[in-house]
Amino acid sequence: MRNHFYRLGGAVLLGLGISLTAAAAPGSAAVAANCEGAVVHTVDVARPGALPRLCVARGGVVRLVNIGPGSVVAQPSAAVDCFYAAGTYQCRLIRAGRVVLTLAPGARQLTVRVPAAVPGQPSTACSPAGTVVDLDTNDELRWWAPCLRIGATLRVVNLGPGMLTRHPAGAVTCYYEGGVHACQFRRPASVVFTATIDSTSRSVTAVAVG
């Protein structure tokens, strides 16, 4: 089965930043206690009152609904990959730590603790083992960060040999054939993939979970 969820028609990325602070070691038992796995957690920001404090594992998605474009601010961008479409922000948690998203109007804050993993909890926001996720270099839209379970395959298609780099390289094994770079993760990690064609590069951070 192939998963084309990451080819997002009509997605627009607006007004984003991200805040990452470490109050405790991201992978510690204290941080992971009472946390969700890499799941999709939806927050209706139109409801009055304080926003919830969340704990969602790396690879999960915080989905903010009933919100306008350009109304989410966070720092720094290395912690989350977000896109906006049709009144909804979807933010993939790509690095462990703590993320704070400030929403306008009113400057309400939503805090998300992000452990590296939460053992025993599901990872429903990530493509299961045996599936294939394609990133097509012919797509005009920016790539949104995918999350894969170990055993799933990430393919970068329509790209020549020697044109794909990844960091850290030791976390993933890739092979090339006929315009397709097929990659499988060796361990849970966040890996930056960069495709370069005619001196033009595009990058995406892919998250692998156990």
Protein backbone atom coordinates (compact mmCIF):
# COMPACT_ATOMS: atom_id res chain seq x y z
CA MET A 1 0.00 0.00 0.00
CA ARG A 2 1.29 3.47 -0.88
CA ASN A 3 0.64 6.52 1.22
CA HIS A 4 0.38 9.84 -0.65
CA PHE A 5 -0.89 11.82 2.36
CA TYR A 6 2.11 14.12 2.21
CA ARG A 7 1.29 15.52 -1.23
CA LEU A 8 -0.97 18.29 0.03
CA GLY A 9 -3.04 20.16 -2.51
CA GLY A 10 -3.79 23.76 -1.62
CA ALA A 11 -1.66 23.87 1.51
CA VAL A 12 -0.29 27.31 2.43
CA LEU A 13 2.31 27.93 5.13
CA LEU A 14 1.85 31.30 6.79
CA GLY A 15 3.14 33.18 9.81
CA LEU A 16 4.84 30.36 11.66
CA GLY A 17 7.65 30.09 14.18
CA ILE A 18 8.35 27.68 16.99
CA SER A 19 9.61 27.77 20.55
CA LEU A 20 11.68 24.92 21.89
CA THR A 21 12.80 24.86 25.50
CA ALA A 22 14.07 21.90 27.50
CA ALA A 23 12.80 21.69 31.06
CA ALA A 24 13.88 18.04 31.35
CA ALA A 25 15.66 15.49 29.23
CA PRO A 26 13.31 14.93 26.25
CA GLY A 27 13.47 11.14 26.48
CA SER A 28 13.21 10.88 30.28
CA ALA A 29 10.51 8.90 32.05
CA ALA A 30 9.39 12.07 33.85
CA VAL A 31 8.64 13.84 30.58
CA ALA A 32 6.95 10.81 28.99
CA ALA A 33 4.64 10.05 31.95
CA ASN A 34 0.95 10.52 31.09
CA CYS A 35 1.76 11.44 27.50
CA GLU A 36 0.20 10.41 24.22
CA GLY A 37 2.15 8.61 21.53
CA ALA A 38 2.72 9.97 18.03
CA VAL A 39 -0.96 10.66 17.41
CA VAL A 40 -3.06 13.47 15.90
CA HIS A 41 -4.39 15.70 18.68
CA THR A 42 -7.05 18.21 17.61
CA VAL A 43 -7.62 21.48 19.49
CA ASP A 44 -10.62 23.72 18.71
CA VAL A 45 -9.17 27.16 19.32
CA ALA A 46 -12.58 28.82 18.91
CA ARG A 47 -13.66 27.51 22.30
CA PRO A 48 -13.30 30.12 25.07
CA GLY A 49 -10.93 29.73 27.98
CA ALA A 50 -7.39 28.55 28.44
CA LEU A 51 -5.83 26.23 25.90
CA PRO A 52 -4.83 22.75 27.10
CA ARG A 53 -1.30 21.71 28.02
CA LEU A 54 -0.45 18.74 25.82
CA CYS A 55 2.13 15.99 25.79
CA VAL A 56 2.49 14.26 22.40
CA ALA A 57 5.44 12.17 21.25
CA ARG A 58 7.78 13.18 18.45
CA GLY A 59 6.17 12.37 15.10
CA GLY A 60 2.70 13.31 16.30
CA VAL A 61 0.57 16.14 14.93
CA VAL A 62 -1.09 19.04 16.76
CA ARG A 63 -4.10 20.05 14.69
CA LEU A 64 -5.53 23.53 15.38
CA VAL A 65 -9.02 24.07 13.96
CA ASN A 66 -11.20 27.16 13.52
CA ILE A 67 -8.27 29.51 13.13
CA GLY A 68 -7.26 32.06 10.49
CA PRO A 69 -4.08 32.19 8.44
CA GLY A 70 -1.04 33.94 9.92
CA SER A 71 -2.34 33.61 13.48
CA VAL A 72 0.16 31.13 14.95
CA VAL A 73 3.58 32.24 16.21
CA ALA A 74 6.26 29.99 17.68
CA GLN A 75 10.07 29.75 17.88
CA PRO A 76 12.30 28.16 16.46
CA SER A 77 11.17 26.48 13.28
CA ALA A 78 13.46 23.44 13.75
CA ALA A 79 11.02 21.87 16.25
CA VAL A 80 7.82 21.64 14.18
CA ASP A 81 6.74 21.57 10.53
CA CYS A 82 3.33 23.22 9.98
CA PHE A 83 1.03 23.98 7.08
CA TYR A 84 -2.25 25.89 6.89
CA ALA A 85 -5.35 25.13 4.83
CA ALA A 86 -9.09 25.78 5.20
CA GLY A 87 -9.12 27.14 8.74
CA THR A 88 -6.72 24.50 10.10
CA TYR A 89 -3.05 24.38 11.06
CA GLN A 90 -1.44 20.95 11.15
CA CYS A 91 1.90 20.91 12.95
CA ARG A 92 4.14 17.85 12.87
CA LEU A 93 6.31 17.54 15.98
CA ILE A 94 9.71 16.71 14.51
CA ARG A 95 12.06 17.16 17.48
CA ALA A 96 11.84 16.37 21.19
CA GLY A 97 11.62 19.12 23.80
CA ARG A 98 8.82 21.59 24.53
CA VAL A 99 6.89 23.59 21.95
CA VAL A 100 4.92 26.75 22.71
CA LEU A 101 2.48 28.05 20.10
CA THR A 102 1.05 31.54 20.63
CA LEU A 103 -2.30 32.20 18.95
CA ALA A 104 -3.70 35.53 17.83
CA PRO A 105 -5.83 37.37 18.71
CA GLY A 106 -5.36 37.41 22.47
CA ALA A 107 -1.90 35.83 22.56
CA ARG A 108 -3.22 32.63 24.11
CA GLN A 109 -0.53 29.98 24.44
CA LEU A 110 -0.65 26.25 23.81
CA THR A 111 2.24 24.32 25.35
CA VAL A 112 3.20 20.88 24.04
CA ARG A 113 5.74 18.65 25.74
CA VAL A 114 7.38 16.42 23.13
CA PRO A 115 9.13 13.30 24.41
CA ALA A 116 11.23 11.34 21.93
CA ALA A 117 8.91 8.35 22.43
CA VAL A 118 6.19 7.09 24.77
CA PRO A 119 6.53 3.29 25.11
CA GLY A 120 3.28 1.37 24.91
CA GLN A 121 1.33 4.19 23.26
CA PRO A 122 0.14 4.09 19.61
CA SER A 123 1.72 6.05 16.75
CA THR A 124 -1.36 6.54 14.58
CA ALA A 125 -0.03 9.77 13.02
CA CYS A 126 2.76 7.78 11.34
CA SER A 127 2.68 5.49 8.30
CA PRO A 128 2.72 1.85 9.41
CA ALA A 129 5.37 -0.73 8.54
CA GLY A 130 5.07 -2.03 4.98
CA THR A 131 3.72 1.19 3.50
CA VAL A 132 5.45 3.51 1.03
CA VAL A 133 5.54 7.30 1.33
CA ASP A 134 6.47 9.16 -1.87
CA LEU A 135 8.01 12.63 -2.06
CA ASP A 136 7.95 13.75 -5.69
CA THR A 137 10.47 16.35 -6.85
CA ASN A 138 8.03 17.37 -9.59
CA ASP A 139 5.51 18.60 -7.00
CA GLU A 140 5.36 22.38 -6.87
CA LEU A 141 4.10 22.45 -3.28
CA ARG A 142 6.58 22.31 -0.42
CA TRP A 143 7.03 18.93 1.22
CA TRP A 144 5.45 18.46 4.64
CA ALA A 145 7.40 16.39 7.19
CA PRO A 146 6.32 12.73 7.09
CA CYS A 147 6.39 10.27 10.00
CA LEU A 148 7.04 6.58 9.35
CA ARG A 149 7.07 3.50 11.54
CA ILE A 150 10.22 1.40 11.29
CA GLY A 151 9.61 -0.93 8.33
CA ALA A 152 7.90 1.70 6.16
CA THR A 153 9.74 3.06 3.11
CA LEU A 154 10.33 6.70 2.19
CA ARG A 155 10.88 7.22 -1.55
CA VAL A 156 12.14 10.40 -3.21
CA VAL A 157 11.06 10.05 -6.84
CA ASN A 158 12.02 11.76 -10.11
CA LEU A 159 15.54 12.43 -8.84
CA GLY A 160 18.83 11.37 -10.40
CA PRO A 161 21.64 9.42 -8.75
CA GLY A 162 23.81 11.27 -6.25
CA MET A 163 21.25 14.07 -5.84
CA LEU A 164 19.88 13.10 -2.41
CA THR A 165 21.65 13.66 0.91
CA ARG A 166 20.47 12.83 4.43
CA HIS A 167 21.60 13.85 7.89
CA PRO A 168 22.35 12.00 10.07
CA ALA A 169 23.25 9.51 7.36
CA GLY A 170 23.76 6.64 9.80
CA ALA A 171 20.07 6.54 10.78
CA VAL A 172 18.82 5.49 7.33
CA THR A 173 19.77 3.19 4.45
CA CYS A 174 18.92 4.28 0.88
CA TYR A 175 19.32 2.66 -2.52
CA TYR A 176 18.80 4.11 -5.98
CA GLU A 177 17.18 2.69 -9.10
CA GLY A 178 15.51 4.32 -12.09
CA GLY A 179 14.98 7.82 -10.72
CA VAL A 180 13.86 6.60 -7.28
CA HIS A 181 15.75 6.85 -3.99
CA ALA A 182 14.16 4.32 -1.59
CA CYS A 183 15.09 4.76 2.07
CA GLN A 184 14.43 2.73 5.20
CA PHE A 185 15.27 3.84 8.73
CA ARG A 186 17.62 1.80 10.89
CA ARG A 187 16.40 3.35 14.15
CA PRO A 188 14.00 6.00 15.46
CA ALA A 189 15.33 9.39 14.42
CA SER A 190 14.62 12.74 12.80
CA VAL A 191 16.48 12.85 9.47
CA VAL A 192 16.82 15.83 7.13
CA PHE A 193 16.60 14.81 3.45
CA THR A 194 17.82 17.28 0.82
CA ALA A 195 17.23 16.85 -2.93
CA THR A 196 19.31 19.00 -5.26
CA ILE A 197 18.51 19.55 -8.95
CA ASP A 198 20.40 22.12 -11.06
CA SER A 199 21.72 23.93 -7.96
CA THR A 200 18.20 24.18 -6.52
CA SER A 201 17.60 22.32 -3.25
CA ARG A 202 14.53 21.37 -1.26
CA SER A 203 14.64 19.75 2.15
CA VAL A 204 12.28 17.97 4.52
CA THR A 205 12.67 16.41 7.96
CA ALA A 206 11.30 12.87 8.17
CA VAL A 207 10.59 11.29 11.55
CA ALA A 208 10.93 7.56 12.14
CA VAL A 209 9.35 5.94 15.22
CA GLY A 210 9.61 2.42 16.60
